[in-house]
Protein backbone atom coordinates (compact mmCIF):
# COMPACT_ATOMS: atom_id res chain seq x y z
CA UNK A 1 60.96 27.77 16.38
CA UNK A 2 61.91 30.95 14.70
CA UNK A 3 62.34 29.73 10.84
CA UNK A 4 62.53 32.97 9.38
CA UNK A 5 65.75 33.76 11.75
CA UNK A 6 67.10 30.56 11.02
CA UNK A 7 66.94 30.93 7.13
CA UNK A 8 68.82 34.46 7.59
CA UNK A 9 71.32 33.25 10.04
CA UNK A 10 72.22 30.12 7.43
CA UNK A 11 71.93 32.13 4.56
CA UNK A 12 74.88 34.40 6.28
CA UNK A 13 76.92 31.25 6.80
CA UNK A 14 76.35 29.70 3.41
CA UNK A 15 73.59 27.33 4.54
CA UNK A 16 75.23 26.24 7.69
CA UNK A 17 74.50 26.70 11.43
CA UNK A 18 75.34 24.71 14.66
CA UNK A 19 72.86 22.71 17.20
CA UNK A 20 73.58 25.72 19.62
CA UNK A 21 72.59 28.48 17.17
CA UNK A 22 69.35 26.32 16.12
CA UNK A 23 68.28 25.91 19.92
CA UNK A 24 68.82 29.45 20.65
CA UNK A 25 66.14 30.21 17.91
CA UNK A 26 63.75 27.62 19.58
CA UNK A 27 64.54 24.39 18.06
CA UNK A 28 64.10 21.28 20.57
CA UNK A 29 65.68 17.86 20.33
CA UNK A 30 62.86 16.49 18.27
CA UNK A 31 62.98 19.32 15.97
CA UNK A 32 66.63 18.55 15.38
CA UNK A 33 66.00 15.05 14.94
CA UNK A 34 63.04 15.28 12.68
CA UNK A 35 64.60 17.89 10.43
CA UNK A 36 67.76 15.30 10.04
CA UNK A 37 65.60 12.36 9.34
CA UNK A 38 63.27 14.03 6.72
CA UNK A 39 66.41 15.23 4.88
CA UNK A 40 65.47 18.94 5.61
CA UNK A 41 68.62 19.28 7.32
CA UNK A 42 72.10 17.57 6.80
CA UNK A 43 74.73 16.95 9.40
CA UNK A 44 77.81 18.34 7.92
CA UNK A 45 80.18 17.94 11.24
CA UNK A 46 79.43 17.05 14.65
CA UNK A 47 77.13 19.67 15.94
CA UNK A 48 76.96 21.47 12.71
CA UNK A 49 74.10 21.27 10.22
CA UNK A 50 73.08 22.55 6.77
CA UNK A 51 70.01 23.38 5.10
CA UNK A 52 69.28 20.93 2.30
CA UNK A 53 69.51 22.40 -1.44
CA UNK A 54 72.79 24.32 -0.70
CA UNK A 55 75.55 23.42 -3.05
CA UNK A 56 78.63 22.20 -1.71
CA UNK A 57 81.35 24.30 -1.92
CA UNK A 58 84.75 25.10 -0.78
CA UNK A 59 83.86 28.08 1.05
CA UNK A 60 80.74 26.46 2.62
CA UNK A 61 83.15 23.53 4.10
CA UNK A 62 85.13 26.66 5.58
CA UNK A 63 82.10 27.67 7.35
CA UNK A 64 81.37 24.46 8.79
CA UNK A 65 84.71 23.96 9.95
CA UNK A 66 84.80 27.15 11.55
CA UNK A 67 81.54 26.73 13.34
CA UNK A 68 82.61 23.05 14.36
CA UNK A 69 86.09 24.40 15.96
CA UNK A 70 84.29 27.00 18.18
CA UNK A 71 84.51 29.99 15.74
CA UNK A 72 88.30 29.54 14.89
CA UNK A 73 89.68 31.95 12.20
CA UNK A 74 90.61 30.80 8.80
CA UNK A 75 94.27 30.88 8.33
CA UNK A 76 97.31 29.50 6.48
CA UNK A 77 96.73 28.37 2.80
CA UNK A 78 92.82 29.04 3.11
CA UNK A 79 93.32 32.32 4.10
CA UNK A 80 96.05 32.83 1.34
CA UNK A 81 93.47 31.79 -1.12
CA UNK A 82 90.73 33.77 0.21
CA UNK A 83 93.13 36.96 -0.26
CA UNK A 84 93.95 35.93 -3.58
CA UNK A 85 97.65 34.74 -3.17
CA UNK A 86 98.27 32.42 -6.39
CA UNK A 87 101.25 30.76 -4.00
CA UNK A 88 98.72 29.58 -1.50
CA UNK A 89 97.62 25.68 -1.96
CA UNK A 90 94.04 25.25 -3.19
CA UNK A 91 91.41 23.01 -1.64
CA UNK A 92 92.57 23.05 1.97
CA UNK A 93 90.28 24.07 4.80
CA UNK A 94 92.81 25.60 7.42
CA UNK A 95 91.76 26.79 10.80
CA UNK A 96 93.77 28.53 13.50
CA UNK A 97 92.47 26.96 16.83
CA UNK A 98 93.08 27.23 20.53
CA UNK A 99 95.88 25.02 21.96
CA UNK A 100 93.25 23.11 23.84
CA UNK A 101 91.50 21.56 20.59
CA UNK A 102 93.12 18.26 19.61
CA UNK A 103 91.53 16.69 16.77
CA UNK A 104 90.53 17.96 13.44
CA UNK A 105 87.59 16.41 11.77
CA UNK A 106 88.44 14.59 8.33
CA UNK A 107 89.58 17.00 5.55
CA UNK A 108 90.31 19.78 7.89
CA UNK A 109 93.74 21.18 8.93
CA UNK A 110 94.13 22.63 12.60
CA UNK A 111 97.16 25.03 13.40
CA UNK A 112 97.89 26.45 16.69
CA UNK A 113 97.19 30.09 17.34
CA UNK A 114 99.41 30.91 20.50
CA UNK A 115 100.73 34.07 19.23
CA UNK A 116 97.49 35.46 17.41
CA UNK A 117 96.19 38.84 18.29
CA UNK A 118 92.88 40.73 17.59
CA UNK A 119 94.44 42.82 15.22
CA UNK A 120 95.57 39.51 13.22
CA UNK A 121 92.09 38.98 12.15
CA UNK A 122 89.86 40.55 9.73
CA UNK A 123 85.91 40.23 9.12
CA UNK A 124 85.42 39.97 4.99
CA UNK A 125 81.53 40.01 4.47
CA UNK A 126 80.06 36.54 3.71
CA UNK A 127 82.99 34.68 5.12
CA UNK A 128 84.30 33.46 8.55
CA UNK A 129 86.84 35.60 10.30
CA UNK A 130 89.85 35.28 8.46
CA UNK A 131 93.78 36.20 9.38
CA UNK A 132 94.89 39.56 7.55
CA UNK A 133 97.08 39.77 4.40
CA UNK A 134 100.02 40.28 6.51
CA UNK A 135 99.46 37.66 9.24
CA UNK A 136 98.87 35.07 6.66
CA UNK A 137 101.92 35.85 4.68
CA UNK A 138 103.86 35.81 8.09
CA UNK A 139 102.11 32.29 8.87
CA UNK A 140 103.04 30.77 5.73
CA UNK A 141 106.63 31.67 6.02
CA UNK A 142 107.31 28.80 7.77
CA UNK A 143 106.31 26.11 5.33
CA UNK A 144 106.83 27.86 2.22
CA UNK A 145 110.36 28.07 0.34
CA UNK A 146 111.89 31.57 0.55
CA UNK A 147 111.39 31.93 -3.14
CA UNK A 148 107.90 31.22 -3.30
CA UNK A 149 107.55 33.50 -0.16
CA UNK A 150 109.33 36.58 -1.60
CA UNK A 151 106.57 36.02 -4.69
CA UNK A 152 103.67 36.01 -2.20
CA UNK A 153 104.75 39.00 -0.16
CA UNK A 154 105.62 41.04 -3.71
CA UNK A 155 102.05 39.96 -4.68
CA UNK A 156 100.37 41.53 -1.56
CA UNK A 157 102.61 44.73 -1.92
CA UNK A 158 101.68 45.19 -5.64
CA UNK A 159 97.78 44.52 -4.66
CA UNK A 160 98.33 46.87 -1.72
CA UNK A 161 97.06 44.28 1.00
CA UNK A 162 100.13 45.83 3.28
CA UNK A 163 102.91 47.92 3.36
CA UNK A 164 106.57 46.56 4.00
CA UNK A 165 106.28 48.38 7.17
CA UNK A 166 103.16 46.54 8.17
CA UNK A 167 104.90 43.27 7.54
CA UNK A 168 107.99 44.65 9.56
CA UNK A 169 106.00 45.46 12.57
CA UNK A 170 104.34 42.11 12.61
CA UNK A 171 107.90 40.38 12.28
CA UNK A 172 109.01 42.10 15.16
CA UNK A 173 106.12 40.92 17.46
CA UNK A 174 105.95 37.46 16.46
CA UNK A 175 109.88 36.69 16.38
CA UNK A 176 110.00 37.14 20.14
CA UNK A 177 107.60 33.66 20.30
CA UNK A 178 110.01 31.89 18.45
CA UNK A 179 107.67 31.58 15.33
CA UNK A 180 108.73 29.37 12.35
CA UNK A 181 109.73 31.31 9.23
CA UNK A 182 110.87 34.49 10.99
CA UNK A 183 114.25 34.53 9.30
CA UNK A 184 112.87 33.89 5.81
CA UNK A 185 110.48 36.79 6.29
CA UNK A 186 113.33 38.94 7.48
CA UNK A 187 115.48 38.07 4.60
CA UNK A 188 112.58 38.76 2.12
CA UNK A 189 112.14 41.93 3.64
CA UNK A 190 115.72 42.87 3.36
CA UNK A 191 115.86 41.92 -0.14
CA UNK A 192 112.53 44.26 -0.88
CA UNK A 193 113.55 46.92 1.26
CA UNK A 194 116.26 49.50 0.60
CA UNK A 195 119.64 48.37 -0.24
CA UNK A 196 121.30 49.95 2.90
CA UNK A 197 120.02 50.55 6.73
CA UNK A 198 118.23 53.71 7.40
CA UNK A 199 120.38 56.77 7.30
CA UNK A 200 120.97 58.07 11.04
CA UNK A 201 119.58 61.43 10.08
CA UNK A 202 116.53 59.85 8.71
CA UNK A 203 116.15 57.62 11.69
CA UNK A 204 116.53 60.36 14.48
CA UNK A 205 114.05 62.34 12.50
CA UNK A 206 111.64 59.56 12.95
CA UNK A 207 112.47 58.94 16.53
CA UNK A 208 112.28 62.35 17.62
CA UNK A 209 108.70 62.92 15.90
CA UNK A 210 107.64 60.11 18.01
CA UNK A 211 108.78 61.63 21.12
CA UNK A 212 107.38 64.86 20.41
CA UNK A 213 103.96 63.03 19.98
CA UNK A 214 104.32 61.69 23.49
CA UNK A 215 103.93 63.48 26.91
CA UNK A 216 107.29 63.14 28.20
CA UNK A 217 109.60 66.01 28.46
CA UNK A 218 112.49 66.62 25.90
CA UNK A 219 115.22 64.06 26.06
CA UNK A 220 118.92 64.45 26.43
CA UNK A 221 120.66 63.60 23.29
CA UNK A 222 123.98 61.50 22.98
CA UNK A 223 124.40 60.59 26.65
CA UNK A 224 127.10 58.48 27.56
CA UNK A 225 126.28 54.90 27.92
CA UNK A 226 125.72 53.64 31.71
CA UNK A 227 128.24 51.22 32.06
CA UNK A 228 130.04 49.60 35.19
CA UNK A 229 132.74 48.04 32.77
CA UNK A 230 134.16 50.77 31.04
CA UNK A 231 132.11 49.96 27.98
CA UNK A 232 132.36 53.32 25.66
CA UNK A 233 129.38 54.63 23.44
CA UNK A 234 126.35 56.67 23.57
CA UNK A 235 122.76 56.13 23.77
CA UNK A 236 120.38 57.81 21.29
CA UNK A 237 117.88 59.74 23.90
CA UNK A 238 117.47 59.69 27.71
CA UNK A 239 116.28 61.06 30.66
CA UNK A 240 118.91 60.83 33.14
CA UNK A 241 116.62 61.96 36.26
CA UNK A 242 114.11 58.93 35.33
CA UNK A 243 116.96 56.87 34.19
CA UNK A 244 115.16 56.00 30.96
CA UNK A 245 117.00 55.18 27.58
CA UNK A 246 115.54 55.41 24.20
CA UNK A 247 117.49 53.67 21.46
CA UNK A 248 116.43 53.95 17.71
CA UNK A 249 117.14 51.04 15.39
CA UNK A 250 117.46 51.48 11.52
CA UNK A 251 119.10 48.45 10.74
CA UNK A 252 118.26 45.61 8.21
CA UNK A 253 117.03 42.67 9.78
CA UNK A 254 119.75 40.27 9.14
CA UNK A 255 122.08 42.93 11.05
CA UNK A 256 119.71 43.03 13.89
CA UNK A 257 119.69 39.07 14.24
CA UNK A 258 123.58 39.16 14.09
CA UNK A 259 124.07 41.77 16.93
CA UNK A 260 120.93 40.25 19.16
CA UNK A 261 123.55 39.16 21.82
CA UNK A 262 125.64 42.21 21.77
CA UNK A 263 122.32 44.42 21.90
CA UNK A 264 120.69 42.63 24.83
CA UNK A 265 124.07 42.60 26.90
CA UNK A 266 124.09 46.28 26.63
CA UNK A 267 120.48 46.72 27.71
CA UNK A 268 121.11 44.22 30.61
CA UNK A 269 124.43 46.52 31.85
CA UNK A 270 122.24 49.56 31.81
CA UNK A 271 119.42 47.83 33.73
CA UNK A 272 121.84 46.40 36.40
CA UNK A 273 122.54 50.32 37.19
CA UNK A 274 119.00 51.15 37.35
CA UNK A 275 118.47 52.31 33.79
CA UNK A 276 115.46 51.00 31.62
CA UNK A 277 115.85 50.98 27.79
CA UNK A 278 113.12 51.07 25.24
CA UNK A 279 114.09 50.29 21.65
CA UNK A 280 112.04 51.87 18.84
CA UNK A 281 112.60 50.27 15.38
CA UNK A 282 112.00 52.36 12.61
CA UNK A 283 109.12 50.70 11.19
CA UNK A 284 107.29 51.16 14.28
CA UNK A 285 107.96 54.87 14.28
CA UNK A 286 107.05 55.21 10.55
CA UNK A 287 104.08 52.78 10.65
CA UNK A 288 102.43 53.55 14.10
CA UNK A 289 103.92 56.53 15.52
CA UNK A 290 101.16 56.96 18.09
CA UNK A 291 101.52 53.33 19.45
CA UNK A 292 105.18 54.11 19.73
CA UNK A 293 104.62 57.42 21.58
CA UNK A 294 102.25 55.31 24.15
CA UNK A 295 105.39 52.83 24.67
CA UNK A 296 107.74 55.82 25.59
CA UNK A 297 104.92 56.88 28.08
CA UNK A 298 104.84 53.58 29.94
């Protein structure tokens, strides 16, 4: 067995390791049994062991739970504590696990990670993978009172963990999955953001800059809205020959929620006539213009 390799591995994981990791380094069943029987190894969780002599700590328990759950990322209050949010509960061991996981070990809380994307997880030296500060704030919005959530978001902004636009981009993605806390986070962003919706001139400047970044040809401005029911109005930008529409949205979040059905009906009517509509939020145009340009190209 590669003893040095096991020592290095466990040191990086605060003295913990899985049976599979030990076997990969040459441990056999008899070696494992002997190490546990003689007290050199301790059984932390099923198939997770620790080297004797390491002090028990909350972060060590995070490592053990993370290894037990198949390398699930740390989330919820545990992630909030790691990111330094005073509003996060202390002492919990919280992981975001796959939907197939059914029962956490004692002292560990499991939360489903159905809408978690790779960009929502960050690696901090010496710690298991953990949800990013903005994803952590979004996850905590569900169970957290809105006044507490506002303090948490303000803390992250002051510490420069994220920008308001980063939270808004994430909110736009997860709201489509019916995630808890979406409306509370939207209200907090509205409270912390500008008092009015983005001005039309500024919105069009951001949107046109995104179009200029893309490979599509120049767009037609203020084209009549495609409608078979006599609906009046204009679309922001379009390419009539391709029957493609781009709309810019600079409204505050509560206005977007209020008008969601009307917006969907407007897009659906254009689609029945063969037109595809892409909506660019100002947060996307400002926060990630390259990605927004790629969306138009699709």
